[in-house]
Amino acid sequence: MFPSVTQSTFLSFDCVELGPEMKFLSVDYTVRCDTSQYTYFSVFNYIVLFLFVLGVPFICSFILYKNRQEFLTGERNSSFN
């Protein structure tokens, strides 16, 4: 799921020029890149990009780093028993 969401998020920023002053979203040719619909779509994509695409790996890395001693020594924290 993560790779497909990441790919879709980045593809949703790509506009294709199909003629003079005619740019459309590459994943949905009904959305023109010079309209407010594209602007709203881009805002949503930035939110997904920061929260999901960048946020999930960051949070997982933070949790692993914070608990690295427990992973390395094999000791368990008593609060998780």
PDB file of N, CA and C in Angstrom:
ATOM      1  N   MET A   1       0.817  -1.185   0.000  1.00  0.00           N
ATOM      2  CA  MET A   1       0.000   0.000   0.000  1.00  0.00           C
ATOM      3  C   MET A   1       0.865   1.254   0.000  1.00  0.00           C
ATOM      4  N   PHE A   2       1.928   1.256   0.781  1.00  0.00           N
ATOM      5  CA  PHE A   2       2.765   2.447   0.893  1.00  0.00           C
ATOM      6  C   PHE A   2       3.401   2.844  -0.443  1.00  0.00           C
ATOM      7  N   PRO A   3       3.995   1.904  -1.203  1.00  0.00           N
ATOM      8  CA  PRO A   3       4.584   2.305  -2.483  1.00  0.00           C
ATOM      9  C   PRO A   3       3.557   2.840  -3.479  1.00  0.00           C
ATOM     10  N   SER A   4       2.373   2.259  -3.506  1.00  0.00           N
ATOM     11  CA  SER A   4       1.369   2.735  -4.465  1.00  0.00           C
ATOM     12  C   SER A   4       0.836   4.121  -4.088  1.00  0.00           C
ATOM     13  N   VAL A   5       0.673   4.390  -2.803  1.00  0.00           N
ATOM     14  CA  VAL A   5       0.237   5.720  -2.366  1.00  0.00           C
ATOM     15  C   VAL A   5       1.324   6.749  -2.659  1.00  0.00           C
ATOM     16  N   THR A   6       2.575   6.372  -2.425  1.00  0.00           N
ATOM     17  CA  THR A   6       3.687   7.274  -2.714  1.00  0.00           C
ATOM     18  C   THR A   6       3.754   7.594  -4.199  1.00  0.00           C
ATOM     19  N   GLN A   7       3.645   6.584  -5.031  1.00  0.00           N
ATOM     20  CA  GLN A   7       3.685   6.792  -6.471  1.00  0.00           C
ATOM     21  C   GLN A   7       2.519   7.660  -6.934  1.00  0.00           C
ATOM     22  N   SER A   8       1.337   7.391  -6.441  1.00  0.00           N
ATOM     23  CA  SER A   8       0.162   8.181  -6.820  1.00  0.00           C
ATOM     24  C   SER A   8       0.294   9.628  -6.377  1.00  0.00           C
ATOM     25  N   THR A   9       0.870   9.837  -5.207  1.00  0.00           N
ATOM     26  CA  THR A   9       1.049  11.199  -4.704  1.00  0.00           C
ATOM     27  C   THR A   9       1.980  11.992  -5.603  1.00  0.00           C
ATOM     28  N   PHE A  10       3.102  11.402  -5.992  1.00  0.00           N
ATOM     29  CA  PHE A  10       4.043  12.122  -6.845  1.00  0.00           C
ATOM     30  C   PHE A  10       3.522  12.281  -8.270  1.00  0.00           C
ATOM     31  N   LEU A  11       2.803  11.288  -8.780  1.00  0.00           N
ATOM     32  CA  LEU A  11       2.235  11.408 -10.123  1.00  0.00           C
ATOM     33  C   LEU A  11       1.145  12.469 -10.190  1.00  0.00           C
ATOM     34  N   SER A  12       0.514  12.737  -9.081  1.00  0.00           N
ATOM     35  CA  SER A  12      -0.579  13.708  -9.058  1.00  0.00           C
ATOM     36  C   SER A  12      -0.097  15.147  -9.170  1.00  0.00           C
ATOM     37  N   PHE A  13       1.208  15.373  -9.136  1.00  0.00           N
ATOM     38  CA  PHE A  13       1.749  16.714  -9.353  1.00  0.00           C
ATOM     39  C   PHE A  13       2.121  16.947 -10.818  1.00  0.00           C
ATOM     40  N   ASP A  14       2.155  15.882 -11.602  1.00  0.00           N
ATOM     41  CA  ASP A  14       2.636  15.957 -12.970  1.00  0.00           C
ATOM     42  C   ASP A  14       1.550  16.435 -13.927  1.00  0.00           C
ATOM     43  N   CYS A  15       1.850  17.500 -14.652  1.00  0.00           N
ATOM     44  CA  CYS A  15       0.930  18.018 -15.663  1.00  0.00           C
ATOM     45  C   CYS A  15       1.507  17.750 -17.047  1.00  0.00           C
ATOM     46  N   VAL A  16       0.623  17.420 -17.993  1.00  0.00           N
ATOM     47  CA  VAL A  16       1.019  17.122 -19.361  1.00  0.00           C
ATOM     48  C   VAL A  16       0.458  18.208 -20.274  1.00  0.00           C
ATOM     49  N   GLU A  17       1.304  18.726 -21.146  1.00  0.00           N
ATOM     50  CA  GLU A  17       0.853  19.753 -22.092  1.00  0.00           C
ATOM     51  C   GLU A  17       0.333  19.061 -23.347  1.00  0.00           C
ATOM     52  N   LEU A  18      -0.945  19.260 -23.640  1.00  0.00           N
ATOM     53  CA  LEU A  18      -1.571  18.618 -24.799  1.00  0.00           C
ATOM     54  C   LEU A  18      -1.810  19.590 -25.946  1.00  0.00           C
ATOM     55  N   GLY A  19      -1.465  20.814 -25.755  1.00  0.00           N
ATOM     56  CA  GLY A  19      -1.623  21.827 -26.792  1.00  0.00           C
ATOM     57  C   GLY A  19      -1.180  23.158 -26.249  1.00  0.00           C
ATOM     58  N   PRO A  20      -1.321  24.182 -27.082  1.00  0.00           N
ATOM     59  CA  PRO A  20      -0.941  25.508 -26.587  1.00  0.00           C
ATOM     60  C   PRO A  20      -1.858  25.943 -25.447  1.00  0.00           C
ATOM     61  N   GLU A  21      -1.242  26.188 -24.305  1.00  0.00           N
ATOM     62  CA  GLU A  21      -1.951  26.616 -23.094  1.00  0.00           C
ATOM     63  C   GLU A  21      -3.011  25.628 -22.643  1.00  0.00           C
ATOM     64  N   MET A  22      -2.748  24.341 -22.859  1.00  0.00           N
ATOM     65  CA  MET A  22      -3.656  23.281 -22.412  1.00  0.00           C
ATOM     66  C   MET A  22      -2.850  22.251 -21.637  1.00  0.00           C
ATOM     67  N   LYS A  23      -2.785  22.416 -20.328  1.00  0.00           N
ATOM     68  CA  LYS A  23      -2.084  21.460 -19.470  1.00  0.00           C
ATOM     69  C   LYS A  23      -3.105  20.715 -18.625  1.00  0.00           C
ATOM     70  N   PHE A  24      -2.958  19.401 -18.607  1.00  0.00           N
ATOM     71  CA  PHE A  24      -3.858  18.551 -17.848  1.00  0.00           C
ATOM     72  C   PHE A  24      -3.066  17.679 -16.897  1.00  0.00           C
ATOM     73  N   LEU A  25      -3.726  17.281 -15.832  1.00  0.00           N
ATOM     74  CA  LEU A  25      -3.123  16.387 -14.854  1.00  0.00           C
ATOM     75  C   LEU A  25      -2.886  15.033 -15.513  1.00  0.00           C
ATOM     76  N   SER A  26      -1.695  14.489 -15.362  1.00  0.00           N
ATOM     77  CA  SER A  26      -1.346  13.257 -16.076  1.00  0.00           C
ATOM     78  C   SER A  26      -2.150  12.041 -15.614  1.00  0.00           C
ATOM     79  N   VAL A  27      -2.610  12.032 -14.391  1.00  0.00           N
ATOM     80  CA  VAL A  27      -3.380  10.884 -13.898  1.00  0.00           C
ATOM     81  C   VAL A  27      -4.882  11.048 -14.099  1.00  0.00           C
ATOM     82  N   ASP A  28      -5.327  12.264 -14.452  1.00  0.00           N
ATOM     83  CA  ASP A  28      -6.751  12.519 -14.680  1.00  0.00           C
ATOM     84  C   ASP A  28      -6.890  13.663 -15.682  1.00  0.00           C
ATOM     85  N   TYR A  29      -7.149  13.313 -16.924  1.00  0.00           N
ATOM     86  CA  TYR A  29      -7.195  14.320 -17.985  1.00  0.00           C
ATOM     87  C   TYR A  29      -8.434  15.217 -17.930  1.00  0.00           C
ATOM     88  N   THR A  30      -9.292  15.022 -16.963  1.00  0.00           N
ATOM     89  CA  THR A  30     -10.430  15.937 -16.801  1.00  0.00           C
ATOM     90  C   THR A  30     -10.052  17.145 -15.952  1.00  0.00           C
ATOM     91  N   VAL A  31      -8.885  17.102 -15.317  1.00  0.00           N
ATOM     92  CA  VAL A  31      -8.442  18.191 -14.439  1.00  0.00           C
ATOM     93  C   VAL A  31      -7.398  19.028 -15.178  1.00  0.00           C
ATOM     94  N   ARG A  32      -7.736  20.289 -15.425  1.00  0.00           N
ATOM     95  CA  ARG A  32      -6.764  21.204 -16.036  1.00  0.00           C
ATOM     96  C   ARG A  32      -5.861  21.757 -14.948  1.00  0.00           C
ATOM     97  N   CYS A  33      -4.604  21.970 -15.294  1.00  0.00           N
ATOM     98  CA  CYS A  33      -3.615  22.405 -14.302  1.00  0.00           C
ATOM     99  C   CYS A  33      -3.687  23.897 -14.000  1.00  0.00           C
ATOM    100  N   ASP A  34      -4.509  24.636 -14.688  1.00  0.00           N
ATOM    101  CA  ASP A  34      -4.620  26.070 -14.435  1.00  0.00           C
ATOM    102  C   ASP A  34      -5.949  26.440 -13.783  1.00  0.00           C
ATOM    103  N   THR A  35      -6.584  25.465 -13.117  1.00  0.00           N
ATOM    104  CA  THR A  35      -7.880  25.714 -12.486  1.00  0.00           C
ATOM    105  C   THR A  35      -7.766  25.603 -10.967  1.00  0.00           C
ATOM    106  N   SER A  36      -8.796  26.054 -10.296  1.00  0.00           N
ATOM    107  CA  SER A  36      -8.827  25.952  -8.833  1.00  0.00           C
ATOM    108  C   SER A  36      -8.974  24.497  -8.391  1.00  0.00           C
ATOM    109  N   GLN A  37      -9.567  23.663  -9.234  1.00  0.00           N
ATOM    110  CA  GLN A  37      -9.693  22.246  -8.906  1.00  0.00           C
ATOM    111  C   GLN A  37      -8.300  21.615  -8.752  1.00  0.00           C
ATOM    112  N   TYR A  38      -7.382  21.979  -9.627  1.00  0.00           N
ATOM    113  CA  TYR A  38      -6.013  21.478  -9.523  1.00  0.00           C
ATOM    114  C   TYR A  38      -5.327  22.024  -8.270  1.00  0.00           C
ATOM    115  N   THR A  39      -5.604  23.268  -7.924  1.00  0.00           N
ATOM    116  CA  THR A  39      -5.019  23.864  -6.728  1.00  0.00           C
ATOM    117  C   THR A  39      -5.465  23.095  -5.483  1.00  0.00           C
ATOM    118  N   TYR A  40      -6.748  22.797  -5.381  1.00  0.00           N
ATOM    119  CA  TYR A  40      -7.251  22.013  -4.252  1.00  0.00           C
ATOM    120  C   TYR A  40      -6.643  20.612  -4.251  1.00  0.00           C
ATOM    121  N   PHE A  41      -6.527  20.043  -5.431  1.00  0.00           N
ATOM    122  CA  PHE A  41      -5.943  18.718  -5.578  1.00  0.00           C
ATOM    123  C   PHE A  41      -4.488  18.736  -5.111  1.00  0.00           C
ATOM    124  N   SER A  42      -3.751  19.784  -5.456  1.00  0.00           N
ATOM    125  CA  SER A  42      -2.351  19.909  -5.049  1.00  0.00           C
ATOM    126  C   SER A  42      -2.211  20.076  -3.542  1.00  0.00           C
ATOM    127  N   VAL A  43      -3.091  20.857  -2.941  1.00  0.00           N
ATOM    128  CA  VAL A  43      -3.054  21.034  -1.485  1.00  0.00           C
ATOM    129  C   VAL A  43      -3.266  19.690  -0.793  1.00  0.00           C
ATOM    130  N   PHE A  44      -4.233  18.924  -1.267  1.00  0.00           N
ATOM    131  CA  PHE A  44      -4.476  17.598  -0.704  1.00  0.00           C
ATOM    132  C   PHE A  44      -3.251  16.707  -0.871  1.00  0.00           C
ATOM    133  N   ASN A  45      -2.617  16.773  -2.048  1.00  0.00           N
ATOM    134  CA  ASN A  45      -1.431  15.958  -2.296  1.00  0.00           C
ATOM    135  C   ASN A  45      -0.270  16.340  -1.389  1.00  0.00           C
ATOM    136  N   TYR A  46      -0.094  17.627  -1.121  1.00  0.00           N
ATOM    137  CA  TYR A  46       0.960  18.050  -0.198  1.00  0.00           C
ATOM    138  C   TYR A  46       0.691  17.533   1.218  1.00  0.00           C
ATOM    139  N   ILE A  47      -0.565  17.545   1.626  1.00  0.00           N
ATOM    140  CA  ILE A  47      -0.916  17.023   2.948  1.00  0.00           C
ATOM    141  C   ILE A  47      -0.597  15.532   3.025  1.00  0.00           C
ATOM    142  N   VAL A  48      -0.989  14.775   1.998  1.00  0.00           N
ATOM    143  CA  VAL A  48      -0.693  13.338   1.966  1.00  0.00           C
ATOM    144  C   VAL A  48       0.813  13.109   1.921  1.00  0.00           C
ATOM    145  N   LEU A  49       1.511  13.934   1.153  1.00  0.00           N
ATOM    146  CA  LEU A  49       2.959  13.792   1.041  1.00  0.00           C
ATOM    147  C   LEU A  49       3.636  13.955   2.391  1.00  0.00           C
ATOM    148  N   PHE A  50       3.284  14.992   3.136  1.00  0.00           N
ATOM    149  CA  PHE A  50       3.946  15.236   4.408  1.00  0.00           C
ATOM    150  C   PHE A  50       3.482  14.295   5.516  1.00  0.00           C
ATOM    151  N   LEU A  51       2.186  14.008   5.579  1.00  0.00           N
ATOM    152  CA  LEU A  51       1.691  13.163   6.661  1.00  0.00           C
ATOM    153  C   LEU A  51       1.969  11.686   6.439  1.00  0.00           C
ATOM    154  N   PHE A  52       1.750  11.218   5.237  1.00  0.00           N
ATOM    155  CA  PHE A  52       1.842   9.780   4.997  1.00  0.00           C
ATOM    156  C   PHE A  52       3.178   9.374   4.387  1.00  0.00           C
ATOM    157  N   VAL A  53       3.534   9.986   3.276  1.00  0.00           N
ATOM    158  CA  VAL A  53       4.736   9.564   2.550  1.00  0.00           C
ATOM    159  C   VAL A  53       6.003   9.858   3.351  1.00  0.00           C
ATOM    160  N   LEU A  54       6.074  11.011   3.992  1.00  0.00           N
ATOM    161  CA  LEU A  54       7.252  11.348   4.789  1.00  0.00           C
ATOM    162  C   LEU A  54       7.048  11.074   6.276  1.00  0.00           C
ATOM    163  N   GLY A  55       5.826  11.210   6.757  1.00  0.00           N
ATOM    164  CA  GLY A  55       5.540  11.085   8.183  1.00  0.00           C
ATOM    165  C   GLY A  55       5.646   9.669   8.713  1.00  0.00           C
ATOM    166  N   VAL A  56       5.120   8.702   7.997  1.00  0.00           N
ATOM    167  CA  VAL A  56       5.139   7.314   8.476  1.00  0.00           C
ATOM    168  C   VAL A  56       6.568   6.786   8.618  1.00  0.00           C
ATOM    169  N   PRO A  57       7.437   6.930   7.602  1.00  0.00           N
ATOM    170  CA  PRO A  57       8.816   6.462   7.807  1.00  0.00           C
ATOM    171  C   PRO A  57       9.542   7.221   8.917  1.00  0.00           C
ATOM    172  N   PHE A  58       9.283   8.518   9.047  1.00  0.00           N
ATOM    173  CA  PHE A  58       9.919   9.291  10.101  1.00  0.00           C
ATOM    174  C   PHE A  58       9.496   8.797  11.481  1.00  0.00           C
ATOM    175  N   ILE A  59       8.207   8.574  11.676  1.00  0.00           N
ATOM    176  CA  ILE A  59       7.715   8.098  12.970  1.00  0.00           C
ATOM    177  C   ILE A  59       8.251   6.705  13.281  1.00  0.00           C
ATOM    178  N   CYS A  60       8.267   5.826  12.285  1.00  0.00           N
ATOM    179  CA  CYS A  60       8.806   4.476  12.506  1.00  0.00           C
ATOM    180  C   CYS A  60      10.285   4.535  12.852  1.00  0.00           C
ATOM    181  N   SER A  61      11.038   5.374  12.150  1.00  0.00           N
ATOM    182  CA  SER A  61      12.467   5.527  12.453  1.00  0.00           C
ATOM    183  C   SER A  61      12.678   6.098  13.849  1.00  0.00           C
ATOM    184  N   PHE A  62      11.867   7.056  14.231  1.00  0.00           N
ATOM    185  CA  PHE A  62      11.971   7.652  15.563  1.00  0.00           C
ATOM    186  C   PHE A  62      11.709   6.610  16.647  1.00  0.00           C
ATOM    187  N   ILE A  63      10.679   5.798  16.478  1.00  0.00           N
ATOM    188  CA  ILE A  63      10.348   4.765  17.465  1.00  0.00           C
ATOM    189  C   ILE A  63      11.479   3.740  17.555  1.00  0.00           C
ATOM    190  N   LEU A  64      12.013   3.332  16.415  1.00  0.00           N
ATOM    191  CA  LEU A  64      13.121   2.376  16.430  1.00  0.00           C
ATOM    192  C   LEU A  64      14.358   2.970  17.085  1.00  0.00           C
ATOM    193  N   TYR A  65      14.659   4.214  16.782  1.00  0.00           N
ATOM    194  CA  TYR A  65      15.827   4.863  17.373  1.00  0.00           C
ATOM    195  C   TYR A  65      15.667   5.033  18.881  1.00  0.00           C
ATOM    196  N   LYS A  66      14.479   5.400  19.299  1.00  0.00           N
ATOM    197  CA  LYS A  66      14.214   5.606  20.723  1.00  0.00           C
ATOM    198  C   LYS A  66      14.348   4.302  21.510  1.00  0.00           C
ATOM    199  N   ASN A  67      13.991   3.212  20.917  1.00  0.00           N
ATOM    200  CA  ASN A  67      14.009   1.915  21.601  1.00  0.00           C
ATOM    201  C   ASN A  67      15.171   1.037  21.154  1.00  0.00           C
ATOM    202  N   ARG A  68      16.215   1.627  20.606  1.00  0.00           N
ATOM    203  CA  ARG A  68      17.318   0.848  20.054  1.00  0.00           C
ATOM    204  C   ARG A  68      18.031  -0.002  21.099  1.00  0.00           C
ATOM    205  N   GLN A  69      18.168   0.495  22.315  1.00  0.00           N
ATOM    206  CA  GLN A  69      18.855  -0.285  23.350  1.00  0.00           C
ATOM    207  C   GLN A  69      18.104  -1.565  23.674  1.00  0.00           C
ATOM    208  N   GLU A  70      16.788  -1.477  23.701  1.00  0.00           N
ATOM    209  CA  GLU A  70      15.986  -2.671  23.973  1.00  0.00           C
ATOM    210  C   GLU A  70      16.124  -3.685  22.850  1.00  0.00           C
ATOM    211  N   PHE A  71      16.223  -3.209  21.630  1.00  0.00           N
ATOM    212  CA  PHE A  71      16.385  -4.123  20.497  1.00  0.00           C
ATOM    213  C   PHE A  71      17.767  -4.754  20.497  1.00  0.00           C
ATOM    214  N   LEU A  72      18.779  -3.975  20.857  1.00  0.00           N
ATOM    215  CA  LEU A  72      20.147  -4.480  20.824  1.00  0.00           C
ATOM    216  C   LEU A  72      20.441  -5.442  21.967  1.00  0.00           C
ATOM    217  N   THR A  73      19.919  -5.160  23.156  1.00  0.00           N
ATOM    218  CA  THR A  73      20.203  -6.007  24.313  1.00  0.00           C
ATOM    219  C   THR A  73      19.191  -7.128  24.496  1.00  0.00           C
ATOM    220  N   GLY A  74      18.047  -7.008  23.910  1.00  0.00           N
ATOM    221  CA  GLY A  74      17.018  -8.027  24.060  1.00  0.00           C
ATOM    222  C   GLY A  74      16.204  -7.870  25.314  1.00  0.00           C
ATOM    223  N   GLU A  75      16.458  -6.849  26.112  1.00  0.00           N
ATOM    224  CA  GLU A  75      15.686  -6.599  27.335  1.00  0.00           C
ATOM    225  C   GLU A  75      14.365  -5.942  26.967  1.00  0.00           C
ATOM    226  N   ARG A  76      13.350  -6.276  27.762  1.00  0.00           N
ATOM    227  CA  ARG A  76      12.029  -5.708  27.515  1.00  0.00           C
ATOM    228  C   ARG A  76      11.725  -4.675  28.560  1.00  0.00           C
ATOM    229  N   ASN A  77      11.045  -3.630  28.170  1.00  0.00           N
ATOM    230  CA  ASN A  77      10.607  -2.594  29.088  1.00  0.00           C
ATOM    231  C   ASN A  77       9.437  -3.132  29.893  1.00  0.00           C
ATOM    232  N   SER A  78       9.450  -2.942  31.202  1.00  0.00           N
ATOM    233  CA  SER A  78       8.404  -3.485  32.066  1.00  0.00           C
ATOM    234  C   SER A  78       7.031  -2.884  31.782  1.00  0.00           C
ATOM    235  N   SER A  79       6.974  -1.705  31.182  1.00  0.00           N
ATOM    236  CA  SER A  79       5.686  -1.095  30.902  1.00  0.00           C
ATOM    237  C   SER A  79       4.950  -1.778  29.758  1.00  0.00           C
ATOM    238  N   PHE A  80       5.640  -2.643  29.006  1.00  0.00           N
ATOM    239  CA  PHE A  80       4.997  -3.326  27.877  1.00  0.00           C
ATOM    240  C   PHE A  80       4.625  -4.753  28.217  1.00  0.00           C
ATOM    241  N   ASN A  81       4.852  -5.213  29.418  1.00  0.00           N
ATOM    242  CA  ASN A  81       4.532  -6.597  29.802  1.00  0.00           C
ATOM    243  C   ASN A  81       3.062  -6.787  29.959  1.00  0.00           C
TER     244      ASN A  81
END
